Amino acid sequence: MFFFPTLSHFTLGNGWTGSLGTRRYAVDPPAEGMLHTVVWEGPNCRELSEPIAQGDFPLGEEGLAALRQWLDGQRP
């Protein structure tokens, strides 16, 4: 399962990056109440890779739950 922090981490304006196997993901710091998330295949960094999937989720508990579920569907 993809791991990422609790809602308070994002409400403080932080982003997050992580991986599961060769699958990488980044959650950008919140902008306009949304969490923009990008998934790509490693081993390269985000800037040198083509996105596999991108999504936007509302900043809140429901949005975070939807983001977790969406990320789980992006597993290799």
PDB file of N, CA and C in Angstrom:
ATOM      1  N   MET A   1       0.835  -1.177   0.000  1.00  0.00           N
ATOM      2  CA  MET A   1       0.000   0.000   0.000  1.00  0.00           C
ATOM      3  C   MET A   1       0.886   1.249   0.000  1.00  0.00           C
ATOM      4  N   PHE A   2       0.483   2.248  -0.781  1.00  0.00           N
ATOM      5  CA  PHE A   2       1.187   3.522  -0.773  1.00  0.00           C
ATOM      6  C   PHE A   2       1.038   4.163   0.607  1.00  0.00           C
ATOM      7  N   PHE A   3       2.102   4.769   1.095  1.00  0.00           N
ATOM      8  CA  PHE A   3       2.045   5.458   2.381  1.00  0.00           C
ATOM      9  C   PHE A   3       2.136   6.958   2.159  1.00  0.00           C
ATOM     10  N   PHE A   4       1.338   7.715   2.888  1.00  0.00           N
ATOM     11  CA  PHE A   4       1.514   9.157   2.956  1.00  0.00           C
ATOM     12  C   PHE A   4       0.926   9.657   4.259  1.00  0.00           C
ATOM     13  N   PRO A   5       1.308  10.877   4.657  1.00  0.00           N
ATOM     14  CA  PRO A   5       0.990  11.375   5.995  1.00  0.00           C
ATOM     15  C   PRO A   5      -0.475  11.758   6.174  1.00  0.00           C
ATOM     16  N   THR A   6      -0.771  12.221   7.374  1.00  0.00           N
ATOM     17  CA  THR A   6      -2.133  12.629   7.720  1.00  0.00           C
ATOM     18  C   THR A   6      -2.470  13.988   7.107  1.00  0.00           C
ATOM     19  N   LEU A   7      -3.717  14.356   7.221  1.00  0.00           N
ATOM     20  CA  LEU A   7      -4.224  15.603   6.654  1.00  0.00           C
ATOM     21  C   LEU A   7      -3.470  16.821   7.173  1.00  0.00           C
ATOM     22  N   SER A   8      -3.095  16.829   8.441  1.00  0.00           N
ATOM     23  CA  SER A   8      -2.421  18.003   9.007  1.00  0.00           C
ATOM     24  C   SER A   8      -1.119  18.319   8.275  1.00  0.00           C
ATOM     25  N   HIS A   9      -0.433  17.314   7.776  1.00  0.00           N
ATOM     26  CA  HIS A   9       0.792  17.534   7.005  1.00  0.00           C
ATOM     27  C   HIS A   9       0.511  18.427   5.796  1.00  0.00           C
ATOM     28  N   PHE A  10      -0.576  18.155   5.110  1.00  0.00           N
ATOM     29  CA  PHE A  10      -0.921  18.910   3.902  1.00  0.00           C
ATOM     30  C   PHE A  10      -1.538  20.267   4.231  1.00  0.00           C
ATOM     31  N   THR A  11      -2.318  20.352   5.303  1.00  0.00           N
ATOM     32  CA  THR A  11      -2.923  21.639   5.655  1.00  0.00           C
ATOM     33  C   THR A  11      -1.876  22.656   6.089  1.00  0.00           C
ATOM     34  N   LEU A  12      -0.687  22.178   6.451  1.00  0.00           N
ATOM     35  CA  LEU A  12       0.418  23.074   6.791  1.00  0.00           C
ATOM     36  C   LEU A  12       1.203  23.509   5.552  1.00  0.00           C
ATOM     37  N   GLY A  13       0.725  23.110   4.365  1.00  0.00           N
ATOM     38  CA  GLY A  13       1.339  23.555   3.115  1.00  0.00           C
ATOM     39  C   GLY A  13       2.450  22.677   2.588  1.00  0.00           C
ATOM     40  N   ASN A  14       2.519  21.450   3.066  1.00  0.00           N
ATOM     41  CA  ASN A  14       3.582  20.537   2.636  1.00  0.00           C
ATOM     42  C   ASN A  14       3.123  19.628   1.516  1.00  0.00           C
ATOM     43  N   GLY A  15       4.072  19.184   0.699  1.00  0.00           N
ATOM     44  CA  GLY A  15       3.843  18.153  -0.299  1.00  0.00           C
ATOM     45  C   GLY A  15       4.407  16.835   0.203  1.00  0.00           C
ATOM     46  N   TRP A  16       4.377  15.826  -0.660  1.00  0.00           N
ATOM     47  CA  TRP A  16       4.863  14.505  -0.255  1.00  0.00           C
ATOM     48  C   TRP A  16       5.264  13.721  -1.489  1.00  0.00           C
ATOM     49  N   THR A  17       6.336  12.943  -1.396  1.00  0.00           N
ATOM     50  CA  THR A  17       6.707  12.007  -2.453  1.00  0.00           C
ATOM     51  C   THR A  17       6.901  10.639  -1.840  1.00  0.00           C
ATOM     52  N   GLY A  18       6.674   9.613  -2.635  1.00  0.00           N
ATOM     53  CA  GLY A  18       6.843   8.258  -2.143  1.00  0.00           C
ATOM     54  C   GLY A  18       6.916   7.277  -3.289  1.00  0.00           C
ATOM     55  N   SER A  19       7.024   5.999  -2.943  1.00  0.00           N
ATOM     56  CA  SER A  19       7.107   4.964  -3.962  1.00  0.00           C
ATOM     57  C   SER A  19       6.577   3.646  -3.416  1.00  0.00           C
ATOM     58  N   LEU A  20       6.252   2.771  -4.344  1.00  0.00           N
ATOM     59  CA  LEU A  20       5.895   1.392  -4.045  1.00  0.00           C
ATOM     60  C   LEU A  20       6.478   0.567  -5.173  1.00  0.00           C
ATOM     61  N   GLY A  21       7.516  -0.177  -4.891  1.00  0.00           N
ATOM     62  CA  GLY A  21       8.231  -0.880  -5.947  1.00  0.00           C
ATOM     63  C   GLY A  21       8.854   0.143  -6.880  1.00  0.00           C
ATOM     64  N   THR A  22       8.575   0.018  -8.170  1.00  0.00           N
ATOM     65  CA  THR A  22       9.113   0.967  -9.144  1.00  0.00           C
ATOM     66  C   THR A  22       8.147   2.118  -9.436  1.00  0.00           C
ATOM     67  N   ARG A  23       6.979   2.096  -8.843  1.00  0.00           N
ATOM     68  CA  ARG A  23       5.983   3.153  -9.051  1.00  0.00           C
ATOM     69  C   ARG A  23       6.261   4.302  -8.096  1.00  0.00           C
ATOM     70  N   ARG A  24       6.356   5.517  -8.621  1.00  0.00           N
ATOM     71  CA  ARG A  24       6.632   6.710  -7.828  1.00  0.00           C
ATOM     72  C   ARG A  24       5.414   7.619  -7.845  1.00  0.00           C
ATOM     73  N   TYR A  25       5.277   8.440  -6.802  1.00  0.00           N
ATOM     74  CA  TYR A  25       4.177   9.401  -6.782  1.00  0.00           C
ATOM     75  C   TYR A  25       4.587  10.650  -6.022  1.00  0.00           C
ATOM     76  N   ALA A  26       3.941  11.749  -6.349  1.00  0.00           N
ATOM     77  CA  ALA A  26       4.170  13.019  -5.668  1.00  0.00           C
ATOM     78  C   ALA A  26       2.826  13.703  -5.462  1.00  0.00           C
ATOM     79  N   VAL A  27       2.623  14.194  -4.250  1.00  0.00           N
ATOM     80  CA  VAL A  27       1.460  15.009  -3.919  1.00  0.00           C
ATOM     81  C   VAL A  27       2.002  16.417  -3.715  1.00  0.00           C
ATOM     82  N   ASP A  28       1.610  17.329  -4.590  1.00  0.00           N
ATOM     83  CA  ASP A  28       2.097  18.706  -4.502  1.00  0.00           C
ATOM     84  C   ASP A  28       1.501  19.408  -3.291  1.00  0.00           C
ATOM     85  N   PRO A  29       2.201  20.438  -2.775  1.00  0.00           N
ATOM     86  CA  PRO A  29       1.588  21.233  -1.705  1.00  0.00           C
ATOM     87  C   PRO A  29       0.227  21.749  -2.165  1.00  0.00           C
ATOM     88  N   PRO A  30      -0.732  21.859  -1.256  1.00  0.00           N
ATOM     89  CA  PRO A  30      -2.081  22.260  -1.655  1.00  0.00           C
ATOM     90  C   PRO A  30      -2.101  23.622  -2.349  1.00  0.00           C
ATOM     91  N   ALA A  31      -2.912  23.709  -3.387  1.00  0.00           N
ATOM     92  CA  ALA A  31      -3.127  24.964  -4.102  1.00  0.00           C
ATOM     93  C   ALA A  31      -4.622  25.104  -4.348  1.00  0.00           C
ATOM     94  N   GLU A  32      -5.177  26.213  -3.943  1.00  0.00           N
ATOM     95  CA  GLU A  32      -6.608  26.487  -4.126  1.00  0.00           C
ATOM     96  C   GLU A  32      -7.475  25.368  -3.561  1.00  0.00           C
ATOM     97  N   GLY A  33      -7.045  24.812  -2.416  1.00  0.00           N
ATOM     98  CA  GLY A  33      -7.837  23.792  -1.738  1.00  0.00           C
ATOM     99  C   GLY A  33      -7.796  22.416  -2.380  1.00  0.00           C
ATOM    100  N   MET A  34      -6.833  22.183  -3.266  1.00  0.00           N
ATOM    101  CA  MET A  34      -6.733  20.901  -3.961  1.00  0.00           C
ATOM    102  C   MET A  34      -5.344  20.300  -3.781  1.00  0.00           C
ATOM    103  N   LEU A  35      -5.287  18.979  -3.810  1.00  0.00           N
ATOM    104  CA  LEU A  35      -4.029  18.235  -3.788  1.00  0.00           C
ATOM    105  C   LEU A  35      -3.823  17.637  -5.179  1.00  0.00           C
ATOM    106  N   HIS A  36      -2.849  18.150  -5.916  1.00  0.00           N
ATOM    107  CA  HIS A  36      -2.524  17.614  -7.240  1.00  0.00           C
ATOM    108  C   HIS A  36      -1.527  16.483  -7.055  1.00  0.00           C
ATOM    109  N   THR A  37      -1.813  15.336  -7.673  1.00  0.00           N
ATOM    110  CA  THR A  37      -0.995  14.147  -7.497  1.00  0.00           C
ATOM    111  C   THR A  37      -0.576  13.599  -8.850  1.00  0.00           C
ATOM    112  N   VAL A  38       0.692  13.197  -8.950  1.00  0.00           N
ATOM    113  CA  VAL A  38       1.254  12.642 -10.176  1.00  0.00           C
ATOM    114  C   VAL A  38       1.881  11.295  -9.861  1.00  0.00           C
ATOM    115  N   VAL A  39       1.664  10.320 -10.748  1.00  0.00           N
ATOM    116  CA  VAL A  39       2.242   8.984 -10.619  1.00  0.00           C
ATOM    117  C   VAL A  39       3.087   8.727 -11.864  1.00  0.00           C
ATOM    118  N   TRP A  40       4.279   8.153 -11.670  1.00  0.00           N
ATOM    119  CA  TRP A  40       5.133   7.796 -12.790  1.00  0.00           C
ATOM    120  C   TRP A  40       5.890   6.517 -12.455  1.00  0.00           C
ATOM    121  N   GLU A  41       6.495   5.920 -13.473  1.00  0.00           N
ATOM    122  CA  GLU A  41       7.290   4.711 -13.299  1.00  0.00           C
ATOM    123  C   GLU A  41       8.748   5.105 -13.133  1.00  0.00           C
ATOM    124  N   GLY A  42       9.428   4.541 -12.108  1.00  0.00           N
ATOM    125  CA  GLY A  42      10.832   4.830 -11.853  1.00  0.00           C
ATOM    126  C   GLY A  42      11.716   4.190 -12.904  1.00  0.00           C
ATOM    127  N   PRO A  43      13.002   4.359 -12.819  1.00  0.00           N
ATOM    128  CA  PRO A  43      13.761   4.802 -11.667  1.00  0.00           C
ATOM    129  C   PRO A  43      14.027   6.304 -11.650  1.00  0.00           C
ATOM    130  N   ASN A  44      13.667   7.012 -12.702  1.00  0.00           N
ATOM    131  CA  ASN A  44      14.008   8.438 -12.778  1.00  0.00           C
ATOM    132  C   ASN A  44      13.095   9.302 -11.923  1.00  0.00           C
ATOM    133  N   CYS A  45      13.544  10.541 -11.713  1.00  0.00           N
ATOM    134  CA  CYS A  45      12.760  11.509 -10.959  1.00  0.00           C
ATOM    135  C   CYS A  45      11.555  11.976 -11.783  1.00  0.00           C
ATOM    136  N   ARG A  46      10.669  12.661 -11.148  1.00  0.00           N
ATOM    137  CA  ARG A  46       9.439  13.151 -11.777  1.00  0.00           C
ATOM    138  C   ARG A  46       9.730  14.006 -13.004  1.00  0.00           C
ATOM    139  N   GLU A  47      10.713  14.875 -12.890  1.00  0.00           N
ATOM    140  CA  GLU A  47      11.015  15.801 -13.986  1.00  0.00           C
ATOM    141  C   GLU A  47      11.532  15.094 -15.233  1.00  0.00           C
ATOM    142  N   LEU A  48      12.099  13.899 -15.077  1.00  0.00           N
ATOM    143  CA  LEU A  48      12.650  13.156 -16.210  1.00  0.00           C
ATOM    144  C   LEU A  48      11.753  12.002 -16.653  1.00  0.00           C
ATOM    145  N   SER A  49      10.528  11.950 -16.155  1.00  0.00           N
ATOM    146  CA  SER A  49       9.615  10.847 -16.459  1.00  0.00           C
ATOM    147  C   SER A  49       8.301  11.363 -17.022  1.00  0.00           C
ATOM    148  N   GLU A  50       7.646  10.511 -17.771  1.00  0.00           N
ATOM    149  CA  GLU A  50       6.301  10.814 -18.259  1.00  0.00           C
ATOM    150  C   GLU A  50       5.291  10.345 -17.217  1.00  0.00           C
ATOM    151  N   PRO A  51       4.307  11.182 -16.904  1.00  0.00           N
ATOM    152  CA  PRO A  51       3.298  10.751 -15.928  1.00  0.00           C
ATOM    153  C   PRO A  51       2.468   9.579 -16.453  1.00  0.00           C
ATOM    154  N   ILE A  52       2.178   8.646 -15.576  1.00  0.00           N
ATOM    155  CA  ILE A  52       1.262   7.551 -15.886  1.00  0.00           C
ATOM    156  C   ILE A  52      -0.166   8.010 -15.613  1.00  0.00           C
ATOM    157  N   ALA A  53      -0.327   8.757 -14.527  1.00  0.00           N
ATOM    158  CA  ALA A  53      -1.656   9.241 -14.129  1.00  0.00           C
ATOM    159  C   ALA A  53      -1.489  10.522 -13.324  1.00  0.00           C
ATOM    160  N   GLN A  54      -2.514  11.370 -13.378  1.00  0.00           N
ATOM    161  CA  GLN A  54      -2.560  12.598 -12.588  1.00  0.00           C
ATOM    162  C   GLN A  54      -3.978  12.767 -12.061  1.00  0.00           C
ATOM    163  N   GLY A  55      -4.090  13.330 -10.880  1.00  0.00           N
ATOM    164  CA  GLY A  55      -5.409  13.554 -10.304  1.00  0.00           C
ATOM    165  C   GLY A  55      -5.390  14.720  -9.341  1.00  0.00           C
ATOM    166  N   ASP A  56      -6.551  15.326  -9.134  1.00  0.00           N
ATOM    167  CA  ASP A  56      -6.734  16.424  -8.189  1.00  0.00           C
ATOM    168  C   ASP A  56      -7.803  16.024  -7.186  1.00  0.00           C
ATOM    169  N   PHE A  57      -7.500  16.264  -5.917  1.00  0.00           N
ATOM    170  CA  PHE A  57      -8.372  15.849  -4.832  1.00  0.00           C
ATOM    171  C   PHE A  57      -8.554  16.999  -3.861  1.00  0.00           C
ATOM    172  N   PRO A  58      -9.766  17.205  -3.353  1.00  0.00           N
ATOM    173  CA  PRO A  58     -10.001  18.299  -2.409  1.00  0.00           C
ATOM    174  C   PRO A  58      -9.241  18.085  -1.103  1.00  0.00           C
ATOM    175  N   LEU A  59      -8.733  19.168  -0.565  1.00  0.00           N
ATOM    176  CA  LEU A  59      -8.017  19.134   0.702  1.00  0.00           C
ATOM    177  C   LEU A  59      -9.032  18.950   1.822  1.00  0.00           C
ATOM    178  N   GLY A  60      -9.041  17.782   2.427  1.00  0.00           N
ATOM    179  CA  GLY A  60      -9.964  17.429   3.498  1.00  0.00           C
ATOM    180  C   GLY A  60      -9.923  15.932   3.704  1.00  0.00           C
ATOM    181  N   GLU A  61     -10.560  15.453   4.746  1.00  0.00           N
ATOM    182  CA  GLU A  61     -10.539  14.019   5.050  1.00  0.00           C
ATOM    183  C   GLU A  61     -11.124  13.189   3.914  1.00  0.00           C
ATOM    184  N   GLU A  62     -12.240  13.643   3.311  1.00  0.00           N
ATOM    185  CA  GLU A  62     -12.846  12.891   2.213  1.00  0.00           C
ATOM    186  C   GLU A  62     -11.943  12.871   0.992  1.00  0.00           C
ATOM    187  N   GLY A  63     -11.316  14.007   0.698  1.00  0.00           N
ATOM    188  CA  GLY A  63     -10.396  14.072  -0.427  1.00  0.00           C
ATOM    189  C   GLY A  63      -9.179  13.201  -0.212  1.00  0.00           C
ATOM    190  N   LEU A  64      -8.674  13.173   1.013  1.00  0.00           N
ATOM    191  CA  LEU A  64      -7.522  12.342   1.342  1.00  0.00           C
ATOM    192  C   LEU A  64      -7.872  10.857   1.216  1.00  0.00           C
ATOM    193  N   ALA A  65      -9.067  10.480   1.629  1.00  0.00           N
ATOM    194  CA  ALA A  65      -9.519   9.094   1.478  1.00  0.00           C
ATOM    195  C   ALA A  65      -9.638   8.736   0.001  1.00  0.00           C
ATOM    196  N   ALA A  66     -10.168   9.650  -0.805  1.00  0.00           N
ATOM    197  CA  ALA A  66     -10.277   9.415  -2.246  1.00  0.00           C
ATOM    198  C   ALA A  66      -8.895   9.308  -2.882  1.00  0.00           C
ATOM    199  N   LEU A  67      -7.962  10.140  -2.435  1.00  0.00           N
ATOM    200  CA  LEU A  67      -6.588  10.084  -2.937  1.00  0.00           C
ATOM    201  C   LEU A  67      -5.955   8.746  -2.611  1.00  0.00           C
ATOM    202  N   ARG A  68      -6.126   8.258  -1.393  1.00  0.00           N
ATOM    203  CA  ARG A  68      -5.576   6.950  -1.014  1.00  0.00           C
ATOM    204  C   ARG A  68      -6.156   5.835  -1.889  1.00  0.00           C
ATOM    205  N   GLN A  69      -7.445   5.876  -2.106  1.00  0.00           N
ATOM    206  CA  GLN A  69      -8.092   4.854  -2.923  1.00  0.00           C
ATOM    207  C   GLN A  69      -7.599   4.928  -4.368  1.00  0.00           C
ATOM    208  N   TRP A  70      -7.479   6.137  -4.898  1.00  0.00           N
ATOM    209  CA  TRP A  70      -6.999   6.328  -6.265  1.00  0.00           C
ATOM    210  C   TRP A  70      -5.568   5.823  -6.395  1.00  0.00           C
ATOM    211  N   LEU A  71      -4.693   6.168  -5.434  1.00  0.00           N
ATOM    212  CA  LEU A  71      -3.313   5.700  -5.468  1.00  0.00           C
ATOM    213  C   LEU A  71      -3.245   4.178  -5.421  1.00  0.00           C
ATOM    214  N   ASP A  72      -4.092   3.567  -4.618  1.00  0.00           N
ATOM    215  CA  ASP A  72      -4.107   2.109  -4.527  1.00  0.00           C
ATOM    216  C   ASP A  72      -4.415   1.490  -5.892  1.00  0.00           C
ATOM    217  N   GLY A  73      -5.240   2.155  -6.674  1.00  0.00           N
ATOM    218  CA  GLY A  73      -5.552   1.685  -8.029  1.00  0.00           C
ATOM    219  C   GLY A  73      -4.413   1.901  -9.007  1.00  0.00           C
ATOM    220  N   GLN A  74      -3.400   2.648  -8.646  1.00  0.00           N
ATOM    221  CA  GLN A  74      -2.252   2.906  -9.513  1.00  0.00           C
ATOM    222  C   GLN A  74      -1.097   1.948  -9.252  1.00  0.00           C
ATOM    223  N   ARG A  75      -1.314   0.991  -8.379  1.00  0.00           N
ATOM    224  CA  ARG A  75      -0.238   0.043  -8.035  1.00  0.00           C
ATOM    225  C   ARG A  75       0.221  -0.725  -9.256  1.00  0.00           C
ATOM    226  N   PRO A  76       1.520  -1.080  -9.294  1.00  0.00           N
ATOM    227  CA  PRO A  76       2.059  -1.859 -10.422  1.00  0.00           C
ATOM    228  C   PRO A  76       1.515  -3.263 -10.443  1.00  0.00           C
TER     229      PRO A  76
END
